[in-house]
Amino acid sequence: MVFLVAVTYLPTRIVVAIGILLIVGDNLFEHVQAEQLGNIGWAWTILHERKMLELISGFRLFIVYPLISWIGVMAVGYAFGTLFKMEKY
């Protein structure tokens, strides 16, 4: 949501471009796994992978919606909403 607030100040075309770039770009990194990144693997899991994450011993967090693709979907959805504000011809 913080990202969405930040992009509301940008032109709609840029918001669409960022959203599409995040959605499409997310698939380019499918081969990268959190285990390959060592100590920062937990951050990659939150941003990109859908899996169980244990941050503290005994506390598990299941990442259902990775942030990169979800932020892209929100940005494109926000930009799509501007179509409803357009006047009908």
N, C-alpha and C. Protein backbone atom coordinates (compact mmCIF):
# COMPACT_ATOMS: atom_id res chain seq x y z
N MET A 1 0.81 -1.19 0.00
CA MET A 1 0.00 0.00 0.00
C MET A 1 0.86 1.26 0.00
N VAL A 2 1.98 1.23 0.66
CA VAL A 2 2.86 2.39 0.68
C VAL A 2 3.35 2.67 -0.74
N PHE A 3 3.65 1.63 -1.49
CA PHE A 3 4.06 1.80 -2.88
C PHE A 3 2.96 2.46 -3.68
N LEU A 4 1.73 2.03 -3.48
CA LEU A 4 0.60 2.59 -4.24
C LEU A 4 0.41 4.07 -3.93
N VAL A 5 0.60 4.46 -2.70
CA VAL A 5 0.52 5.88 -2.35
C VAL A 5 1.60 6.66 -3.08
N ALA A 6 2.78 6.11 -3.18
CA ALA A 6 3.89 6.80 -3.83
C ALA A 6 3.63 6.97 -5.33
N VAL A 7 3.05 5.98 -5.99
CA VAL A 7 2.86 6.08 -7.43
C VAL A 7 1.65 6.93 -7.81
N THR A 8 0.80 7.27 -6.88
CA THR A 8 -0.36 8.11 -7.22
C THR A 8 0.07 9.51 -7.66
N TYR A 9 1.28 9.89 -7.35
CA TYR A 9 1.79 11.20 -7.76
C TYR A 9 2.42 11.16 -9.15
N LEU A 10 2.54 9.99 -9.73
CA LEU A 10 3.15 9.84 -11.05
C LEU A 10 2.07 9.86 -12.13
N PRO A 11 2.46 10.19 -13.36
CA PRO A 11 1.49 10.09 -14.47
C PRO A 11 1.02 8.65 -14.66
N THR A 12 -0.20 8.50 -15.12
CA THR A 12 -0.81 7.17 -15.26
C THR A 12 0.00 6.26 -16.17
N ARG A 13 0.55 6.79 -17.23
CA ARG A 13 1.34 5.96 -18.16
C ARG A 13 2.55 5.35 -17.46
N ILE A 14 3.16 6.10 -16.58
CA ILE A 14 4.33 5.58 -15.86
C ILE A 14 3.90 4.52 -14.85
N VAL A 15 2.75 4.72 -14.22
CA VAL A 15 2.23 3.72 -13.27
C VAL A 15 1.95 2.41 -14.00
N VAL A 16 1.35 2.50 -15.18
CA VAL A 16 1.09 1.29 -15.98
C VAL A 16 2.40 0.61 -16.36
N ALA A 17 3.37 1.40 -16.79
CA ALA A 17 4.67 0.83 -17.19
C ALA A 17 5.34 0.14 -16.02
N ILE A 18 5.33 0.75 -14.85
CA ILE A 18 5.92 0.14 -13.66
C ILE A 18 5.20 -1.16 -13.31
N GLY A 19 3.87 -1.12 -13.34
CA GLY A 19 3.08 -2.31 -13.01
C GLY A 19 3.34 -3.46 -13.95
N ILE A 20 3.33 -3.17 -15.24
CA ILE A 20 3.59 -4.23 -16.23
C ILE A 20 5.01 -4.75 -16.11
N LEU A 21 5.96 -3.85 -15.87
CA LEU A 21 7.35 -4.27 -15.69
C LEU A 21 7.49 -5.20 -14.49
N LEU A 22 6.80 -4.89 -13.40
CA LEU A 22 6.87 -5.75 -12.22
C LEU A 22 6.23 -7.12 -12.47
N ILE A 23 5.10 -7.12 -13.16
CA ILE A 23 4.41 -8.39 -13.42
C ILE A 23 5.22 -9.27 -14.36
N VAL A 24 5.67 -8.69 -15.47
CA VAL A 24 6.43 -9.46 -16.45
C VAL A 24 7.82 -9.79 -15.93
N GLY A 25 8.45 -8.81 -15.29
CA GLY A 25 9.79 -9.02 -14.76
C GLY A 25 9.85 -10.07 -13.66
N ASP A 26 8.74 -10.22 -12.96
CA ASP A 26 8.68 -11.23 -11.90
C ASP A 26 8.96 -12.62 -12.45
N ASN A 27 8.48 -12.89 -13.63
CA ASN A 27 8.68 -14.21 -14.24
C ASN A 27 10.11 -14.43 -14.71
N LEU A 28 10.85 -13.36 -14.93
CA LEU A 28 12.23 -13.51 -15.38
C LEU A 28 13.15 -14.06 -14.28
N PHE A 29 12.72 -13.94 -13.03
CA PHE A 29 13.55 -14.39 -11.91
C PHE A 29 13.06 -15.69 -11.28
N GLU A 30 12.30 -16.48 -12.03
CA GLU A 30 11.80 -17.76 -11.52
C GLU A 30 12.92 -18.72 -11.14
N HIS A 31 14.05 -18.63 -11.79
CA HIS A 31 15.15 -19.57 -11.53
C HIS A 31 15.92 -19.23 -10.26
N VAL A 32 15.74 -18.04 -9.71
CA VAL A 32 16.45 -17.63 -8.48
C VAL A 32 15.65 -18.13 -7.28
N GLN A 33 16.30 -18.86 -6.40
CA GLN A 33 15.66 -19.39 -5.20
C GLN A 33 16.25 -18.72 -3.96
N ALA A 34 15.47 -18.62 -2.92
CA ALA A 34 15.91 -17.96 -1.68
C ALA A 34 17.14 -18.65 -1.08
N GLU A 35 17.23 -19.95 -1.22
CA GLU A 35 18.36 -20.69 -0.66
C GLU A 35 19.68 -20.28 -1.31
N GLN A 36 19.64 -19.80 -2.53
CA GLN A 36 20.85 -19.39 -3.25
C GLN A 36 21.39 -18.06 -2.73
N LEU A 37 20.58 -17.29 -2.01
CA LEU A 37 20.96 -15.95 -1.60
C LEU A 37 21.51 -15.85 -0.18
N GLY A 38 21.59 -16.96 0.51
CA GLY A 38 22.19 -16.97 1.85
C GLY A 38 21.39 -16.20 2.89
N ASN A 39 22.04 -15.27 3.56
CA ASN A 39 21.41 -14.54 4.68
C ASN A 39 20.25 -13.65 4.27
N ILE A 40 20.21 -13.20 3.02
CA ILE A 40 19.10 -12.35 2.60
C ILE A 40 18.00 -13.14 1.89
N GLY A 41 18.06 -14.43 1.98
CA GLY A 41 17.06 -15.28 1.34
C GLY A 41 15.65 -15.02 1.86
N TRP A 42 15.51 -14.66 3.11
CA TRP A 42 14.19 -14.37 3.68
C TRP A 42 13.54 -13.18 2.97
N ALA A 43 14.34 -12.18 2.60
CA ALA A 43 13.80 -11.01 1.90
C ALA A 43 13.32 -11.41 0.50
N TRP A 44 14.08 -12.27 -0.17
CA TRP A 44 13.68 -12.74 -1.48
C TRP A 44 12.40 -13.55 -1.40
N THR A 45 12.23 -14.32 -0.33
CA THR A 45 11.01 -15.08 -0.14
C THR A 45 9.81 -14.15 -0.03
N ILE A 46 9.92 -13.10 0.74
CA ILE A 46 8.82 -12.14 0.89
C ILE A 46 8.53 -11.44 -0.43
N LEU A 47 9.55 -11.12 -1.18
CA LEU A 47 9.37 -10.39 -2.43
C LEU A 47 8.92 -11.27 -3.60
N HIS A 48 9.34 -12.54 -3.63
CA HIS A 48 9.16 -13.29 -4.86
C HIS A 48 8.58 -14.70 -4.74
N GLU A 49 8.80 -15.40 -3.66
CA GLU A 49 8.41 -16.81 -3.58
C GLU A 49 7.19 -17.02 -2.71
N ARG A 50 6.45 -18.05 -3.04
CA ARG A 50 5.30 -18.47 -2.23
C ARG A 50 5.72 -19.71 -1.46
N LYS A 51 5.99 -19.52 -0.16
CA LYS A 51 6.41 -20.66 0.65
C LYS A 51 6.35 -20.31 2.13
N MET A 52 6.63 -21.30 2.98
CA MET A 52 6.66 -21.12 4.42
C MET A 52 7.99 -20.49 4.81
N LEU A 53 7.93 -19.51 5.70
CA LEU A 53 9.12 -18.80 6.13
C LEU A 53 9.16 -18.83 7.66
N GLU A 54 10.29 -19.23 8.21
CA GLU A 54 10.45 -19.24 9.66
C GLU A 54 11.49 -18.19 10.04
N LEU A 55 11.00 -17.01 10.45
CA LEU A 55 11.87 -15.89 10.80
C LEU A 55 12.51 -16.09 12.17
N ILE A 56 11.70 -16.52 13.12
CA ILE A 56 12.17 -16.77 14.49
C ILE A 56 11.81 -18.22 14.80
N SER A 57 12.64 -18.88 15.57
CA SER A 57 12.39 -20.27 15.91
C SER A 57 10.99 -20.43 16.52
N GLY A 58 10.18 -21.26 15.90
CA GLY A 58 8.83 -21.52 16.39
C GLY A 58 7.77 -20.59 15.81
N PHE A 59 8.16 -19.56 15.06
CA PHE A 59 7.21 -18.63 14.46
C PHE A 59 7.29 -18.77 12.95
N ARG A 60 6.22 -19.28 12.36
CA ARG A 60 6.19 -19.51 10.92
C ARG A 60 5.23 -18.53 10.26
N LEU A 61 5.62 -18.12 9.08
CA LEU A 61 4.82 -17.19 8.29
C LEU A 61 4.71 -17.77 6.88
N PHE A 62 3.48 -17.96 6.43
CA PHE A 62 3.29 -18.49 5.09
C PHE A 62 3.06 -17.33 4.13
N ILE A 63 3.96 -17.17 3.18
CA ILE A 63 3.86 -16.11 2.20
C ILE A 63 2.94 -16.59 1.08
N VAL A 64 1.75 -16.01 1.00
CA VAL A 64 0.77 -16.41 0.00
C VAL A 64 0.91 -15.56 -1.25
N TYR A 65 1.04 -14.25 -1.07
CA TYR A 65 1.16 -13.33 -2.20
C TYR A 65 2.51 -12.63 -2.15
N PRO A 66 3.46 -13.06 -2.95
CA PRO A 66 4.76 -12.38 -2.99
C PRO A 66 4.57 -10.93 -3.42
N LEU A 67 5.35 -10.04 -2.84
CA LEU A 67 5.13 -8.61 -3.01
C LEU A 67 5.40 -8.08 -4.41
N ILE A 68 6.40 -8.58 -5.11
CA ILE A 68 6.72 -8.02 -6.42
C ILE A 68 5.53 -8.11 -7.37
N SER A 69 4.98 -9.28 -7.54
CA SER A 69 3.85 -9.42 -8.46
C SER A 69 2.60 -8.74 -7.92
N TRP A 70 2.39 -8.77 -6.63
CA TRP A 70 1.20 -8.17 -6.04
C TRP A 70 1.22 -6.65 -6.19
N ILE A 71 2.37 -6.02 -6.01
CA ILE A 71 2.50 -4.58 -6.20
C ILE A 71 2.25 -4.23 -7.66
N GLY A 72 2.74 -5.05 -8.58
CA GLY A 72 2.49 -4.82 -10.00
C GLY A 72 1.02 -4.88 -10.34
N VAL A 73 0.31 -5.85 -9.78
CA VAL A 73 -1.13 -5.98 -10.02
C VAL A 73 -1.87 -4.77 -9.45
N MET A 74 -1.47 -4.31 -8.27
CA MET A 74 -2.12 -3.13 -7.69
C MET A 74 -1.88 -1.88 -8.54
N ALA A 75 -0.67 -1.72 -9.05
CA ALA A 75 -0.36 -0.54 -9.87
C ALA A 75 -1.17 -0.54 -11.16
N VAL A 76 -1.25 -1.68 -11.83
CA VAL A 76 -2.03 -1.77 -13.06
C VAL A 76 -3.52 -1.57 -12.76
N GLY A 77 -3.99 -2.12 -11.67
CA GLY A 77 -5.39 -1.92 -11.27
C GLY A 77 -5.71 -0.47 -10.97
N TYR A 78 -4.79 0.21 -10.32
CA TYR A 78 -4.97 1.63 -10.03
C TYR A 78 -5.06 2.43 -11.33
N ALA A 79 -4.16 2.15 -12.26
CA ALA A 79 -4.16 2.86 -13.53
C ALA A 79 -5.41 2.53 -14.34
N PHE A 80 -5.87 1.29 -14.27
CA PHE A 80 -7.09 0.89 -14.97
C PHE A 80 -8.29 1.65 -14.43
N GLY A 81 -8.28 1.97 -13.15
CA GLY A 81 -9.37 2.73 -12.54
C GLY A 81 -9.56 4.10 -13.13
N THR A 82 -8.49 4.67 -13.70
CA THR A 82 -8.64 5.99 -14.32
C THR A 82 -9.51 5.95 -15.56
N LEU A 83 -9.66 4.77 -16.17
CA LEU A 83 -10.56 4.65 -17.31
C LEU A 83 -12.01 4.93 -16.92
N PHE A 84 -12.37 4.64 -15.70
CA PHE A 84 -13.73 4.88 -15.25
C PHE A 84 -14.01 6.35 -15.01
N LYS A 85 -12.95 7.14 -14.84
CA LYS A 85 -13.11 8.57 -14.64
C LYS A 85 -13.21 9.34 -15.95
N MET A 86 -12.90 8.68 -17.06
CA MET A 86 -12.95 9.34 -18.37
C MET A 86 -14.38 9.63 -18.76
N GLU A 87 -14.57 10.72 -19.50
CA GLU A 87 -15.90 11.05 -19.97
C GLU A 87 -16.28 10.13 -21.13
N LYS A 88 -17.56 9.82 -21.18
CA LYS A 88 -18.04 9.00 -22.29
C LYS A 88 -18.23 9.89 -23.50
N TYR A 89 -17.99 9.33 -24.65
CA TYR A 89 -18.09 10.14 -25.86
C TYR A 89 -19.46 10.06 -26.47
